[in-house]
Amino acid sequence: MQISARYQAVYELIIEIFADRQPADNILNAYFRERRYIGSKDRRFISEEVWDIIRHRRRLEFDAQSNNVRKMLLVRYKGENLAEIFAGGQYGLAEIMPDERQWLNELEDDDRVYPADVEAECPQPFFDKINNFELIKSLNFPATADFRINAGSRETVIRKMRDEGFEVEAMPFSPIGIRAKSRINLNNCMAYLDGLIEPQDEASQLAAILADVRPEHKIVDYCCGAGGKSLTMAYLMHNQGTIEAHDVDERRLEALAPRIKRLQAARIRTVKTSDVGSDYDRFVIDAPCSGSGTWRRSPDAKFRLTEKRLDELVKIQAELLDMATEKVKHGGRIVYITCSVFDDENHSQIENFRHRHSDFSPVDLRSVWQEKIEAAFPFATGEYLQFNPLTSGTDGFFLAVLEKNK
């Protein structure tokens, strides 16, 4: 592709992504699928440029004093060869008009001071809600490439991946985790194709480990989504016992089937809502949530989230917790997990639950950690755990385990 054509593709993608109707991943995948003639180097350039623009959306809007995408791109490339980028022609970005050049020259210099929410690249309402500048900034950096082992020892899998040419190392906390120093194309990774590894953030792995599941347990993973924790729990139980994987969206359960086959997790059984029973030893709630803890991976998601939707999610979470009280047996546990950093969905949600249900008590997760994990416990308290890029180097995750009194 010509240089200007690359930037035209970036422009077209950003126009659609900044409409805030669909996830950027979906838009990028569809764009490239419809244009298979675009080569791998061009795809890489376009993708990296698009993601970087998304991560700097607030500052670009502030600098351009506009949410007009063309103006934002003019500001972004102001110090580069604009004639080459805005070259015009059939496939390139339209040439810069005289009034655009005048507007660009009249903009203030780069020494302006950004408001804190702009500097942190976060919509104002959610910046105020999180109220932690460094945490919010950390959620705008690209995430690490994390995997868990699915067969063999971690040392053996690391050795095999290094033999393939991948730079990988053991995770600091998860005893089953491997971290890559750069992104890995899974289609070119034999360890993945052979079912030796599965992508999963370290916090998600730790949540599955701390659920403390055992083969004799009756377990349901409720609202399991893509089923990552179901697959991890099956691995931890050496594919003994049975895990019921539930989601209201049956398409997600259908998508789980090939992963179950590839990872040979034969003891996972997908269930509909009407099939969910009672007397569970572990009722795992992968709560529908804001996803604010995963903004490192999906920086566009913060712009699609609304305060109204967050309120709806908090209500749904409370309803799921109340429902779970009737499904778990005495001595059984509700395992409540979000990928959020909002207090409303996490600590406050569980405190409100405990006020409604005094027959449930929090499990001391420090003790479970020390039993299951060799690494030092990194949190101040074991009552509830809040993972995030600053404290644990992971996505933002919240975990509470509540036992029903006997």
Protein backbone atom coordinates (compact mmCIF):
# COMPACT_ATOMS: atom_id res chain seq x y z
CA MET A 1 0.00 0.00 0.00
CA GLN A 2 1.09 3.59 -0.59
CA ILE A 3 1.75 5.57 2.58
CA SER A 4 -1.30 7.77 2.19
CA ALA A 5 -3.51 4.71 1.59
CA ARG A 6 -2.40 3.30 4.93
CA TYR A 7 -3.49 6.48 6.65
CA GLN A 8 -6.77 6.49 4.73
CA ALA A 9 -7.45 3.04 6.19
CA VAL A 10 -6.61 4.38 9.66
CA TYR A 11 -9.03 7.27 9.08
CA GLU A 12 -11.86 4.98 7.93
CA LEU A 13 -11.40 2.70 10.93
CA ILE A 14 -11.22 5.53 13.47
CA ILE A 15 -14.39 7.09 12.04
CA GLU A 16 -16.26 3.85 12.71
CA ILE A 17 -14.64 3.08 16.06
CA PHE A 18 -15.24 6.58 17.45
CA ALA A 19 -18.94 6.21 16.71
CA ASP A 20 -18.85 4.03 19.86
CA ARG A 21 -21.30 1.43 18.62
CA GLN A 22 -19.10 -1.68 18.33
CA PRO A 23 -15.88 -2.98 19.89
CA ALA A 24 -12.78 -1.87 18.00
CA ASP A 25 -11.59 -5.49 17.74
CA ASN A 26 -14.73 -6.44 15.82
CA ILE A 27 -14.41 -3.46 13.51
CA LEU A 28 -10.74 -4.15 12.74
CA ASN A 29 -11.34 -7.84 12.12
CA ALA A 30 -14.24 -7.14 9.76
CA TYR A 31 -12.25 -4.46 7.90
CA PHE A 32 -9.31 -6.74 7.20
CA ARG A 33 -11.52 -9.72 6.42
CA GLU A 34 -13.21 -7.70 3.68
CA ARG A 35 -9.83 -6.51 2.33
CA ARG A 36 -7.67 -9.61 2.17
CA TYR A 37 -5.43 -7.89 -0.37
CA ILE A 38 -3.89 -5.82 2.45
CA GLY A 39 -0.50 -7.37 3.26
CA SER A 40 0.70 -8.36 6.72
CA LYS A 41 3.06 -5.40 7.17
CA ASP A 42 0.35 -2.95 6.19
CA ARG A 43 -2.13 -4.65 8.53
CA ARG A 44 0.35 -4.41 11.38
CA PHE A 45 1.00 -0.72 10.75
CA ILE A 46 -2.70 0.11 10.48
CA SER A 47 -3.63 -1.89 13.58
CA GLU A 48 -0.87 -0.41 15.74
CA GLU A 49 -1.69 3.10 14.60
CA VAL A 50 -5.41 2.66 15.27
CA TRP A 51 -4.85 1.30 18.78
CA ASP A 52 -2.44 4.11 19.62
CA ILE A 53 -4.95 6.72 18.46
CA ILE A 54 -7.65 5.10 20.60
CA ARG A 55 -5.32 5.26 23.63
CA HIS A 56 -4.76 8.98 23.02
CA ARG A 57 -8.31 9.91 22.04
CA ARG A 58 -8.95 12.40 24.84
CA ARG A 59 -5.70 14.30 24.28
CA LEU A 60 -6.22 14.41 20.52
CA GLU A 61 -9.72 15.79 21.02
CA PHE A 62 -8.35 18.33 23.48
CA ASP A 63 -5.52 19.38 21.17
CA ALA A 64 -7.81 19.63 18.17
CA GLN A 65 -10.53 21.31 20.25
CA SER A 66 -12.84 19.05 18.31
CA ASN A 67 -13.99 15.45 18.02
CA ASN A 68 -13.76 15.66 14.24
CA VAL A 69 -11.54 12.73 13.24
CA ARG A 70 -9.81 14.51 10.37
CA LYS A 71 -8.85 17.40 12.64
CA MET A 72 -7.60 14.95 15.24
CA LEU A 73 -5.38 13.28 12.64
CA LEU A 74 -4.09 16.64 11.42
CA VAL A 75 -3.03 17.41 14.99
CA ARG A 76 -1.50 13.97 15.50
CA TYR A 77 0.66 14.22 12.37
CA LYS A 78 1.38 17.94 12.58
CA GLY A 79 5.12 17.40 12.99
CA GLU A 80 5.39 14.80 10.22
CA ASN A 81 5.38 14.94 6.43
CA LEU A 82 1.77 16.04 5.94
CA ALA A 83 2.07 16.13 2.15
CA GLU A 84 3.00 12.44 2.17
CA ILE A 85 0.25 11.45 4.60
CA PHE A 86 -2.49 13.63 3.07
CA ALA A 87 -1.44 12.92 -0.51
CA GLY A 88 -4.89 12.71 -2.07
CA GLY A 89 -5.50 10.50 -5.07
CA GLN A 90 -7.90 7.60 -5.43
CA TYR A 91 -6.88 5.70 -2.29
CA GLY A 92 -5.15 8.28 -0.09
CA LEU A 93 -6.28 10.81 2.48
CA ALA A 94 -7.63 13.97 0.88
CA GLU A 95 -5.09 16.75 0.50
CA ILE A 96 -4.99 19.47 3.15
CA MET A 97 -7.10 22.49 2.22
CA PRO A 98 -5.85 26.06 2.78
CA ASP A 99 -8.37 26.67 5.57
CA GLU A 100 -7.24 23.46 7.31
CA ARG A 101 -3.61 24.52 7.08
CA GLN A 102 -4.47 27.94 8.52
CA TRP A 103 -6.46 26.31 11.35
CA LEU A 104 -3.56 23.98 12.11
CA ASN A 105 -1.04 26.83 12.20
CA GLU A 106 -3.25 28.83 14.57
CA LEU A 107 -3.48 26.04 17.14
CA GLU A 108 -1.64 26.53 20.42
CA ASP A 109 1.79 25.02 20.86
CA ASP A 110 2.35 21.65 22.53
CA ASP A 111 3.21 23.13 25.95
CA ARG A 112 -0.41 23.22 27.11
CA VAL A 113 -1.36 21.54 30.38
CA TYR A 114 -3.98 18.82 30.15
CA PRO A 115 -6.77 18.46 32.70
CA ALA A 116 -6.21 15.37 34.85
CA ASP A 117 -8.96 13.30 33.20
CA VAL A 118 -7.57 14.14 29.74
CA GLU A 119 -4.01 13.31 30.81
CA ALA A 120 -5.26 9.98 32.16
CA GLU A 121 -7.26 9.32 28.95
CA CYS A 122 -10.52 8.63 30.77
CA PRO A 123 -14.05 10.04 30.37
CA GLN A 124 -14.69 12.53 33.17
CA PRO A 125 -17.49 10.63 35.00
CA PHE A 126 -15.40 7.46 35.31
CA PHE A 127 -12.26 9.40 36.18
CA ASP A 128 -14.14 10.87 39.13
CA LYS A 129 -15.60 7.50 40.09
CA ILE A 130 -12.25 5.68 40.16
CA ASN A 131 -10.52 8.69 41.77
CA ASN A 132 -7.01 7.27 41.36
CA PHE A 133 -4.94 9.05 38.72
CA GLU A 134 -2.08 6.53 38.60
CA LEU A 135 -4.44 3.54 38.42
CA ILE A 136 -6.41 5.09 35.57
CA LYS A 137 -3.21 5.87 33.65
CA SER A 138 -2.00 2.30 34.16
CA LEU A 139 -5.20 1.03 32.56
CA ASN A 140 -4.30 2.83 29.33
CA PHE A 141 -1.01 1.02 28.72
CA PRO A 142 -1.08 -2.13 26.54
CA ALA A 143 -1.57 -5.35 28.50
CA THR A 144 0.95 -8.15 28.71
CA ALA A 145 0.46 -11.35 26.70
CA ASP A 146 -0.49 -13.90 29.35
CA PHE A 147 -1.05 -17.64 29.07
CA ARG A 148 -1.67 -20.57 31.35
CA ILE A 149 -0.35 -24.06 30.83
CA ASN A 150 -2.80 -26.79 29.93
CA ALA A 151 -0.51 -29.82 29.80
CA GLY A 152 2.91 -30.79 31.12
CA SER A 153 4.99 -28.77 33.55
CA ARG A 154 5.42 -25.02 33.21
CA GLU A 155 9.17 -25.45 32.81
CA THR A 156 8.70 -27.89 29.92
CA VAL A 157 6.21 -25.63 28.14
CA ILE A 158 8.46 -22.58 28.57
CA ARG A 159 11.35 -24.54 27.08
CA LYS A 160 9.24 -25.61 24.09
CA MET A 161 8.06 -22.05 23.47
CA ARG A 162 11.60 -20.72 23.66
CA ASP A 163 12.63 -23.39 21.16
CA GLU A 164 9.97 -21.91 18.87
CA GLY A 165 11.65 -18.53 19.24
CA PHE A 166 9.24 -16.90 21.70
CA GLU A 167 10.54 -14.85 24.62
CA VAL A 168 8.53 -16.13 27.57
CA GLU A 169 8.95 -16.40 31.32
CA ALA A 170 7.11 -17.68 34.38
CA MET A 171 4.52 -15.33 35.86
CA PRO A 172 5.30 -13.77 39.25
CA PHE A 173 2.18 -15.08 41.03
CA SER A 174 0.27 -17.75 39.12
CA PRO A 175 1.98 -21.15 39.37
CA ILE A 176 0.43 -22.13 36.03
CA GLY A 177 1.10 -18.87 34.19
CA ILE A 178 3.49 -17.89 31.40
CA ARG A 179 4.08 -14.34 30.21
CA ALA A 180 5.38 -13.39 26.77
CA LYS A 181 7.50 -10.27 26.28
CA SER A 182 5.64 -9.44 23.07
CA ARG A 183 2.44 -10.41 21.29
CA ILE A 184 2.29 -13.93 19.87
CA ASN A 185 0.50 -14.91 16.67
CA LEU A 186 -1.27 -18.01 17.97
CA ASN A 187 -1.73 -19.41 14.48
CA ASN A 188 2.07 -19.72 14.31
CA CYS A 189 2.53 -21.10 17.83
CA MET A 190 2.73 -24.90 18.08
CA ALA A 191 2.39 -24.81 21.88
CA TYR A 192 -1.02 -23.22 21.40
CA LEU A 193 -2.09 -25.38 18.46
CA ASP A 194 -1.12 -28.51 20.42
CA GLY A 195 -3.22 -27.45 23.41
CA LEU A 196 -0.27 -26.81 25.74
CA ILE A 197 -1.22 -23.20 26.49
CA GLU A 198 -4.33 -21.03 26.60
CA PRO A 199 -4.47 -17.19 26.65
CA GLN A 200 -5.60 -15.91 30.06
CA ASP A 201 -4.69 -12.89 32.16
CA GLU A 202 -2.85 -13.71 35.37
CA ALA A 203 -5.61 -12.26 37.58
CA SER A 204 -8.16 -14.51 35.93
CA GLN A 205 -5.92 -17.52 36.56
CA LEU A 206 -5.52 -16.56 40.21
CA ALA A 207 -9.29 -16.14 40.63
CA ALA A 208 -9.80 -19.71 39.35
CA ILE A 209 -7.07 -21.05 41.65
CA LEU A 210 -8.48 -19.25 44.70
CA ALA A 211 -11.96 -20.63 44.02
CA ASP A 212 -10.42 -23.77 45.58
CA VAL A 213 -12.34 -26.28 43.46
CA ARG A 214 -11.99 -30.03 43.97
CA PRO A 215 -13.07 -33.06 41.91
CA GLU A 216 -15.74 -34.04 44.42
CA HIS A 217 -17.36 -30.60 44.27
CA LYS A 218 -20.56 -29.75 42.49
CA ILE A 219 -19.62 -26.61 40.54
CA VAL A 220 -21.32 -24.13 38.25
CA ASP A 221 -19.61 -21.26 36.44
CA TYR A 222 -22.55 -18.88 36.06
CA CYS A 223 -22.44 -16.23 33.30
CA CYS A 224 -19.19 -17.86 32.18
CA GLY A 225 -18.91 -15.90 28.92
CA ALA A 226 -16.06 -17.37 26.88
CA GLY A 227 -15.51 -19.97 29.60
CA GLY A 228 -11.89 -19.18 30.47
CA LYS A 229 -12.29 -19.85 34.18
CA SER A 230 -14.30 -23.04 33.54
CA LEU A 231 -11.42 -24.34 31.44
CA THR A 232 -8.87 -23.36 34.09
CA MET A 233 -10.85 -25.01 36.89
CA ALA A 234 -11.14 -28.18 34.79
CA TYR A 235 -7.36 -28.16 34.36
CA LEU A 236 -6.82 -27.63 38.09
CA MET A 237 -9.03 -30.65 38.83
CA HIS A 238 -7.06 -32.76 36.31
CA ASN A 239 -10.29 -33.13 34.31
CA GLN A 240 -11.94 -35.04 37.14
CA GLY A 241 -15.35 -34.14 38.51
CA THR A 242 -17.78 -32.01 36.51
CA ILE A 243 -18.09 -28.28 35.90
CA GLU A 244 -21.35 -26.81 34.61
CA ALA A 245 -20.68 -23.84 32.33
CA HIS A 246 -23.64 -21.47 32.05
CA ASP A 247 -24.38 -18.34 30.08
CA VAL A 248 -27.62 -16.68 29.07
CA ASP A 249 -26.17 -16.19 25.60
CA GLU A 250 -26.17 -19.68 24.10
CA ARG A 251 -23.93 -18.50 21.25
CA ARG A 252 -21.13 -18.09 23.78
CA LEU A 253 -21.64 -21.64 24.97
CA GLU A 254 -21.48 -22.86 21.37
CA ALA A 255 -18.19 -20.96 20.93
CA LEU A 256 -16.87 -22.72 24.05
CA ALA A 257 -17.24 -26.17 22.48
CA PRO A 258 -14.14 -26.05 20.19
CA ARG A 259 -12.03 -24.75 23.10
CA ILE A 260 -13.19 -27.64 25.26
CA LYS A 261 -12.18 -30.03 22.48
CA ARG A 262 -8.78 -28.42 21.81
CA LEU A 263 -7.90 -28.38 25.51
CA GLN A 264 -9.41 -31.83 26.12
CA ALA A 265 -11.55 -30.50 28.98
CA ALA A 266 -14.13 -33.23 28.65
CA ARG A 267 -15.57 -32.71 32.14
CA ILE A 268 -17.15 -29.36 31.28
CA ARG A 269 -20.88 -29.55 30.57
CA THR A 270 -22.71 -26.53 29.18
CA VAL A 271 -26.09 -25.80 30.77
CA LYS A 272 -29.00 -23.46 30.15
CA THR A 273 -30.50 -21.33 32.91
CA SER A 274 -33.35 -23.80 33.37
CA ASP A 275 -30.81 -26.61 33.94
CA VAL A 276 -28.99 -24.91 36.82
CA GLY A 277 -29.71 -26.88 39.96
CA SER A 278 -29.00 -26.37 43.66
CA ASP A 279 -26.76 -27.58 46.50
CA TYR A 280 -23.60 -26.41 44.76
CA ASP A 281 -20.25 -26.54 46.56
CA ARG A 282 -18.99 -23.69 44.38
CA PHE A 283 -21.29 -21.21 42.70
CA VAL A 284 -18.93 -19.11 40.59
CA ILE A 285 -20.41 -15.82 39.37
CA ASP A 286 -18.48 -14.34 36.45
CA ALA A 287 -20.51 -11.23 36.96
CA PRO A 288 -21.57 -9.12 33.98
CA CYS A 289 -19.68 -5.91 34.65
CA SER A 290 -18.30 -2.68 33.23
CA GLY A 291 -15.08 -4.36 32.08
CA SER A 292 -13.19 -1.32 33.39
CA GLY A 293 -10.40 -3.60 34.59
CA THR A 294 -9.72 -4.69 31.01
CA TRP A 295 -9.31 -1.23 29.51
CA ARG A 296 -5.65 -2.10 28.88
CA ARG A 297 -6.88 -4.61 26.31
CA SER A 298 -9.98 -2.71 25.13
CA PRO A 299 -9.27 1.01 25.54
CA ASP A 300 -12.25 1.82 23.33
CA ALA A 301 -14.67 0.23 25.82
CA LYS A 302 -14.47 3.15 28.26
CA PHE A 303 -16.10 5.38 25.63
CA ARG A 304 -19.00 2.99 25.03
CA LEU A 305 -19.77 2.63 28.73
CA THR A 306 -22.43 4.93 30.19
CA GLU A 307 -23.36 5.73 33.78
CA LYS A 308 -26.83 4.36 33.10
CA ARG A 309 -25.40 1.05 31.92
CA LEU A 310 -23.15 0.86 34.97
CA ASP A 311 -26.18 1.32 37.23
CA GLU A 312 -27.97 -1.47 35.36
CA LEU A 313 -24.98 -3.78 35.80
CA VAL A 314 -24.78 -3.11 39.54
CA LYS A 315 -28.44 -4.07 39.85
CA ILE A 316 -27.92 -7.27 37.82
CA GLN A 317 -24.93 -8.22 39.97
CA ALA A 318 -26.98 -7.84 43.15
CA GLU A 319 -29.74 -10.00 41.70
CA LEU A 320 -27.24 -12.72 40.73
CA LEU A 321 -25.74 -12.73 44.22
CA ASP A 322 -29.18 -13.01 45.82
CA MET A 323 -30.12 -15.85 43.48
CA ALA A 324 -26.89 -17.71 44.27
CA THR A 325 -27.76 -17.82 47.98
CA GLU A 326 -30.53 -20.28 47.17
CA LYS A 327 -28.32 -22.42 44.92
CA VAL A 328 -25.36 -23.04 47.20
CA LYS A 329 -25.45 -25.61 50.00
CA HIS A 330 -24.50 -24.99 53.62
CA GLY A 331 -20.72 -24.91 53.77
CA GLY A 332 -20.64 -24.14 50.05
CA ARG A 333 -19.22 -20.95 48.59
CA ILE A 334 -20.24 -18.16 46.26
CA VAL A 335 -17.21 -17.06 44.24
CA TYR A 336 -17.90 -13.53 42.99
CA ILE A 337 -15.61 -12.21 40.25
CA THR A 338 -15.60 -9.02 38.20
CA CYS A 339 -13.10 -7.55 35.76
CA SER A 340 -13.81 -4.10 37.16
CA VAL A 341 -12.09 -1.44 39.25
CA PHE A 342 -15.31 0.36 40.22
CA ASP A 343 -16.16 0.16 43.91
CA ASP A 344 -19.89 -0.01 43.09
CA GLU A 345 -19.35 -3.39 41.42
CA ASN A 346 -16.83 -4.69 43.92
CA HIS A 347 -16.36 -3.88 47.60
CA SER A 348 -19.60 -1.94 47.99
CA GLN A 349 -21.54 -4.63 46.12
CA ILE A 350 -20.32 -7.34 48.49
CA GLU A 351 -20.80 -5.22 51.61
CA ASN A 352 -24.41 -4.59 50.58
CA PHE A 353 -24.83 -8.32 49.95
CA ARG A 354 -23.57 -9.16 53.43
CA HIS A 355 -26.04 -6.74 54.97
CA ARG A 356 -28.84 -8.59 53.17
CA HIS A 357 -27.45 -12.08 53.89
CA SER A 358 -25.87 -12.39 57.32
CA ASP A 359 -25.62 -16.16 56.87
CA PHE A 360 -22.66 -15.69 54.49
CA SER A 361 -19.12 -14.92 55.65
CA PRO A 362 -16.03 -13.97 53.61
CA VAL A 363 -13.38 -16.67 53.24
CA ASP A 364 -9.87 -15.61 54.26
CA LEU A 365 -8.21 -15.55 50.86
CA ARG A 366 -4.80 -15.00 52.37
CA SER A 367 -4.98 -18.52 53.83
CA VAL A 368 -6.17 -20.01 50.53
CA TRP A 369 -3.38 -18.16 48.70
CA GLN A 370 -0.72 -19.48 51.07
CA GLU A 371 -2.02 -23.02 50.56
CA LYS A 372 -2.16 -22.82 46.76
CA ILE A 373 0.49 -20.31 45.69
CA GLU A 374 4.19 -20.07 46.56
CA ALA A 375 4.57 -16.36 45.78
CA ALA A 376 4.16 -13.89 48.64
CA PHE A 377 0.64 -12.57 49.22
CA PRO A 378 0.65 -9.05 47.68
CA PHE A 379 -2.46 -7.59 49.32
CA ALA A 380 -3.06 -5.83 52.64
CA THR A 381 -6.10 -7.93 53.53
CA GLY A 382 -7.43 -11.35 52.61
CA GLU A 383 -11.12 -10.48 52.88
CA TYR A 384 -11.57 -9.34 49.27
CA LEU A 385 -8.91 -9.05 46.57
CA GLN A 386 -8.62 -6.16 44.10
CA PHE A 387 -6.11 -6.91 41.36
CA ASN A 388 -4.90 -4.13 39.06
CA PRO A 389 -1.84 -3.16 37.00
CA LEU A 390 -0.30 -1.25 39.93
CA THR A 391 -0.67 -3.82 42.72
CA SER A 392 -0.37 -7.08 40.80
CA GLY A 393 0.70 -6.21 37.26
CA THR A 394 -2.54 -7.69 35.92
CA ASP A 395 -5.87 -6.58 34.56
CA GLY A 396 -8.26 -5.08 37.09
CA PHE A 397 -10.07 -7.96 38.77
CA PHE A 398 -12.08 -8.26 41.97
CA LEU A 399 -12.57 -11.48 43.90
CA ALA A 400 -14.71 -12.25 46.93
CA VAL A 401 -15.46 -15.75 48.20
CA LEU A 402 -18.42 -16.05 50.56
CA GLU A 403 -19.20 -19.22 52.51
CA LYS A 404 -22.70 -20.16 53.58
CA ASN A 405 -22.71 -20.82 57.29
CA LYS A 406 -23.39 -24.42 58.30
